[in-house]
Amino acid sequence: MNKAYKFRIYPDKKQEELLAKTFGCCRFIYNIMLDDKRKEYEATKKMKKTTPAVYKKEYPWLKEVDSLALANVQLHLEKAYK
């Protein structure tokens, strides 16, 4: 027998802003890492392994969100390639 629970959250304005930033940064990092992987593979026929920390130097606003959220994006991208 499977059970499921549904939860609804009611964030305040500050939390809504942080959630929006986190989702936006995750989407950005996924797309930029995917683009870099594609370009590297087309050029060298080898897969590029990068971490979100590499992009924080170029895009300092990525430091505003949780690093584990960005790390999970990397794991999801690697899993998608397998």
N, C-alpha and C. Protein backbone atom coordinates (compact mmCIF):
# COMPACT_ATOMS: atom_id res chain seq x y z
N MET A 1 0.84 -1.17 0.00
CA MET A 1 0.00 0.00 0.00
C MET A 1 0.89 1.24 0.00
N ASN A 2 0.68 2.11 -0.96
CA ASN A 2 1.45 3.34 -1.08
C ASN A 2 0.67 4.50 -0.47
N LYS A 3 1.39 5.34 0.22
CA LYS A 3 0.80 6.55 0.78
C LYS A 3 1.45 7.76 0.15
N ALA A 4 0.70 8.81 0.04
CA ALA A 4 1.22 10.05 -0.50
C ALA A 4 0.75 11.20 0.37
N TYR A 5 1.60 12.17 0.51
CA TYR A 5 1.27 13.36 1.27
C TYR A 5 1.43 14.57 0.36
N LYS A 6 0.52 15.48 0.44
CA LYS A 6 0.60 16.73 -0.29
C LYS A 6 0.83 17.85 0.72
N PHE A 7 1.75 18.72 0.38
CA PHE A 7 2.04 19.87 1.23
C PHE A 7 1.91 21.13 0.40
N ARG A 8 1.44 22.16 1.01
CA ARG A 8 1.36 23.46 0.35
C ARG A 8 2.12 24.44 1.23
N ILE A 9 3.00 25.21 0.60
CA ILE A 9 3.76 26.19 1.37
C ILE A 9 3.26 27.59 1.02
N TYR A 10 3.38 28.45 1.98
CA TYR A 10 3.00 29.85 1.80
C TYR A 10 4.21 30.72 2.18
N PRO A 11 5.14 30.88 1.24
CA PRO A 11 6.33 31.67 1.56
C PRO A 11 6.01 33.17 1.63
N ASP A 12 6.80 33.87 2.43
CA ASP A 12 6.66 35.32 2.45
C ASP A 12 7.43 35.89 1.25
N LYS A 13 7.43 37.19 1.12
CA LYS A 13 8.04 37.84 -0.06
C LYS A 13 9.54 37.53 -0.17
N LYS A 14 10.24 37.54 0.94
CA LYS A 14 11.68 37.27 0.93
C LYS A 14 11.96 35.83 0.48
N GLN A 15 11.17 34.90 0.96
CA GLN A 15 11.35 33.50 0.59
C GLN A 15 10.97 33.27 -0.87
N GLU A 16 9.92 33.96 -1.34
CA GLU A 16 9.54 33.86 -2.74
C GLU A 16 10.66 34.33 -3.65
N GLU A 17 11.31 35.42 -3.24
CA GLU A 17 12.42 35.96 -4.01
C GLU A 17 13.58 34.97 -4.05
N LEU A 18 13.90 34.36 -2.92
CA LEU A 18 14.99 33.39 -2.87
C LEU A 18 14.66 32.16 -3.71
N LEU A 19 13.43 31.68 -3.65
CA LEU A 19 13.03 30.55 -4.48
C LEU A 19 13.14 30.89 -5.97
N ALA A 20 12.70 32.07 -6.35
CA ALA A 20 12.77 32.48 -7.76
C ALA A 20 14.22 32.57 -8.21
N LYS A 21 15.09 33.13 -7.36
CA LYS A 21 16.52 33.21 -7.70
C LYS A 21 17.13 31.83 -7.84
N THR A 22 16.78 30.94 -6.93
CA THR A 22 17.35 29.58 -6.96
C THR A 22 16.91 28.85 -8.21
N PHE A 23 15.62 28.89 -8.54
CA PHE A 23 15.14 28.22 -9.74
C PHE A 23 15.76 28.82 -11.00
N GLY A 24 15.88 30.13 -11.02
CA GLY A 24 16.47 30.80 -12.18
C GLY A 24 17.94 30.44 -12.36
N CYS A 25 18.68 30.41 -11.25
CA CYS A 25 20.11 30.07 -11.32
C CYS A 25 20.29 28.61 -11.72
N CYS A 26 19.44 27.73 -11.23
CA CYS A 26 19.53 26.32 -11.59
C CYS A 26 19.26 26.14 -13.09
N ARG A 27 18.27 26.82 -13.59
CA ARG A 27 17.95 26.74 -15.01
C ARG A 27 19.10 27.30 -15.85
N PHE A 28 19.68 28.42 -15.40
CA PHE A 28 20.79 29.04 -16.12
C PHE A 28 22.00 28.12 -16.14
N ILE A 29 22.36 27.57 -14.98
CA ILE A 29 23.56 26.73 -14.88
C ILE A 29 23.39 25.46 -15.70
N TYR A 30 22.19 24.87 -15.71
CA TYR A 30 21.94 23.68 -16.51
C TYR A 30 22.16 23.98 -17.99
N ASN A 31 21.58 25.08 -18.45
CA ASN A 31 21.69 25.42 -19.87
C ASN A 31 23.12 25.76 -20.27
N ILE A 32 23.83 26.48 -19.44
CA ILE A 32 25.20 26.87 -19.80
C ILE A 32 26.14 25.68 -19.74
N MET A 33 25.95 24.79 -18.77
CA MET A 33 26.78 23.59 -18.70
C MET A 33 26.48 22.66 -19.89
N LEU A 34 25.22 22.55 -20.26
CA LEU A 34 24.84 21.74 -21.41
C LEU A 34 25.46 22.29 -22.69
N ASP A 35 25.41 23.60 -22.86
CA ASP A 35 26.00 24.24 -24.04
C ASP A 35 27.51 24.01 -24.08
N ASP A 36 28.19 24.16 -22.95
CA ASP A 36 29.63 23.92 -22.91
C ASP A 36 29.97 22.47 -23.22
N LYS A 37 29.17 21.54 -22.71
CA LYS A 37 29.40 20.11 -23.00
C LYS A 37 29.24 19.82 -24.49
N ARG A 38 28.21 20.39 -25.09
CA ARG A 38 27.98 20.17 -26.52
C ARG A 38 29.13 20.73 -27.36
N LYS A 39 29.55 21.95 -27.06
CA LYS A 39 30.64 22.58 -27.81
C LYS A 39 31.95 21.79 -27.66
N GLU A 40 32.25 21.36 -26.44
CA GLU A 40 33.47 20.59 -26.20
C GLU A 40 33.43 19.26 -26.93
N TYR A 41 32.27 18.60 -26.94
CA TYR A 41 32.17 17.32 -27.61
C TYR A 41 32.30 17.47 -29.12
N GLU A 42 31.71 18.51 -29.68
CA GLU A 42 31.83 18.76 -31.12
C GLU A 42 33.27 19.05 -31.51
N ALA A 43 34.00 19.74 -30.64
CA ALA A 43 35.37 20.11 -30.96
C ALA A 43 36.36 18.97 -30.75
N THR A 44 36.23 18.23 -29.65
CA THR A 44 37.26 17.25 -29.30
C THR A 44 36.75 15.82 -29.22
N LYS A 45 35.46 15.60 -29.34
CA LYS A 45 34.84 14.28 -29.18
C LYS A 45 35.09 13.69 -27.79
N LYS A 46 35.31 14.54 -26.80
CA LYS A 46 35.46 14.13 -25.40
C LYS A 46 34.47 14.93 -24.56
N MET A 47 34.00 14.31 -23.48
CA MET A 47 33.04 14.97 -22.61
C MET A 47 33.76 15.91 -21.64
N LYS A 48 33.21 17.07 -21.46
CA LYS A 48 33.77 18.05 -20.54
C LYS A 48 33.12 17.87 -19.18
N LYS A 49 33.93 17.82 -18.13
CA LYS A 49 33.41 17.72 -16.76
C LYS A 49 33.71 19.03 -16.06
N THR A 50 32.68 19.76 -15.71
CA THR A 50 32.85 21.01 -14.98
C THR A 50 31.94 20.99 -13.76
N THR A 51 32.19 21.95 -12.89
CA THR A 51 31.35 22.11 -11.71
C THR A 51 30.77 23.52 -11.74
N PRO A 52 29.71 23.74 -11.01
CA PRO A 52 29.13 25.09 -10.96
C PRO A 52 30.10 26.12 -10.39
N ALA A 53 31.07 25.69 -9.60
CA ALA A 53 32.03 26.63 -9.02
C ALA A 53 32.83 27.36 -10.09
N VAL A 54 33.05 26.72 -11.22
CA VAL A 54 33.80 27.35 -12.31
C VAL A 54 33.06 28.57 -12.83
N TYR A 55 31.76 28.51 -12.85
CA TYR A 55 30.95 29.59 -13.40
C TYR A 55 30.72 30.73 -12.40
N LYS A 56 30.99 30.50 -11.14
CA LYS A 56 30.77 31.53 -10.14
C LYS A 56 31.74 32.69 -10.29
N LYS A 57 32.90 32.44 -10.87
CA LYS A 57 33.86 33.52 -11.10
C LYS A 57 33.35 34.47 -12.18
N GLU A 58 32.78 33.90 -13.22
CA GLU A 58 32.27 34.70 -14.33
C GLU A 58 30.92 35.34 -14.02
N TYR A 59 30.10 34.62 -13.24
CA TYR A 59 28.76 35.09 -12.89
C TYR A 59 28.65 35.14 -11.36
N PRO A 60 29.08 36.23 -10.73
CA PRO A 60 29.11 36.28 -9.26
C PRO A 60 27.73 36.20 -8.60
N TRP A 61 26.67 36.48 -9.32
CA TRP A 61 25.32 36.40 -8.73
C TRP A 61 24.91 34.97 -8.45
N LEU A 62 25.66 33.98 -8.96
CA LEU A 62 25.37 32.58 -8.63
C LEU A 62 25.70 32.26 -7.18
N LYS A 63 26.50 33.11 -6.54
CA LYS A 63 26.87 32.89 -5.14
C LYS A 63 25.72 33.20 -4.18
N GLU A 64 24.67 33.84 -4.67
CA GLU A 64 23.54 34.22 -3.82
C GLU A 64 22.64 33.05 -3.46
N VAL A 65 22.72 31.97 -4.23
CA VAL A 65 21.83 30.83 -3.98
C VAL A 65 22.61 29.67 -3.37
N ASP A 66 21.87 28.68 -2.90
CA ASP A 66 22.47 27.52 -2.25
C ASP A 66 23.33 26.73 -3.23
N SER A 67 24.55 26.42 -2.82
CA SER A 67 25.47 25.69 -3.70
C SER A 67 25.02 24.25 -3.93
N LEU A 68 24.30 23.67 -2.98
CA LEU A 68 23.83 22.30 -3.17
C LEU A 68 22.77 22.20 -4.27
N ALA A 69 21.99 23.23 -4.43
CA ALA A 69 21.01 23.24 -5.51
C ALA A 69 21.73 23.23 -6.86
N LEU A 70 22.80 24.00 -6.97
CA LEU A 70 23.57 24.03 -8.21
C LEU A 70 24.32 22.72 -8.43
N ALA A 71 24.81 22.12 -7.34
CA ALA A 71 25.50 20.83 -7.45
C ALA A 71 24.54 19.74 -7.93
N ASN A 72 23.30 19.79 -7.48
CA ASN A 72 22.30 18.82 -7.93
C ASN A 72 22.01 18.98 -9.42
N VAL A 73 22.09 20.19 -9.92
CA VAL A 73 21.90 20.43 -11.35
C VAL A 73 23.00 19.70 -12.13
N GLN A 74 24.22 19.79 -11.63
CA GLN A 74 25.33 19.09 -12.28
C GLN A 74 25.09 17.58 -12.29
N LEU A 75 24.64 17.04 -11.18
CA LEU A 75 24.37 15.60 -11.11
C LEU A 75 23.26 15.19 -12.07
N HIS A 76 22.22 16.01 -12.17
CA HIS A 76 21.13 15.71 -13.09
C HIS A 76 21.58 15.76 -14.54
N LEU A 77 22.46 16.70 -14.85
CA LEU A 77 22.98 16.80 -16.22
C LEU A 77 23.85 15.59 -16.56
N GLU A 78 24.68 15.18 -15.62
CA GLU A 78 25.53 14.00 -15.84
C GLU A 78 24.66 12.74 -16.00
N LYS A 79 23.62 12.63 -15.21
CA LYS A 79 22.72 11.47 -15.30
C LYS A 79 21.98 11.48 -16.64
N ALA A 80 21.63 12.65 -17.13
CA ALA A 80 20.94 12.74 -18.42
C ALA A 80 21.84 12.27 -19.56
N TYR A 81 23.13 12.48 -19.43
CA TYR A 81 24.05 12.03 -20.47
C TYR A 81 24.26 10.53 -20.44
N LYS A 82 24.06 9.90 -19.29
CA LYS A 82 24.21 8.45 -19.21
C LYS A 82 22.94 7.83 -19.69
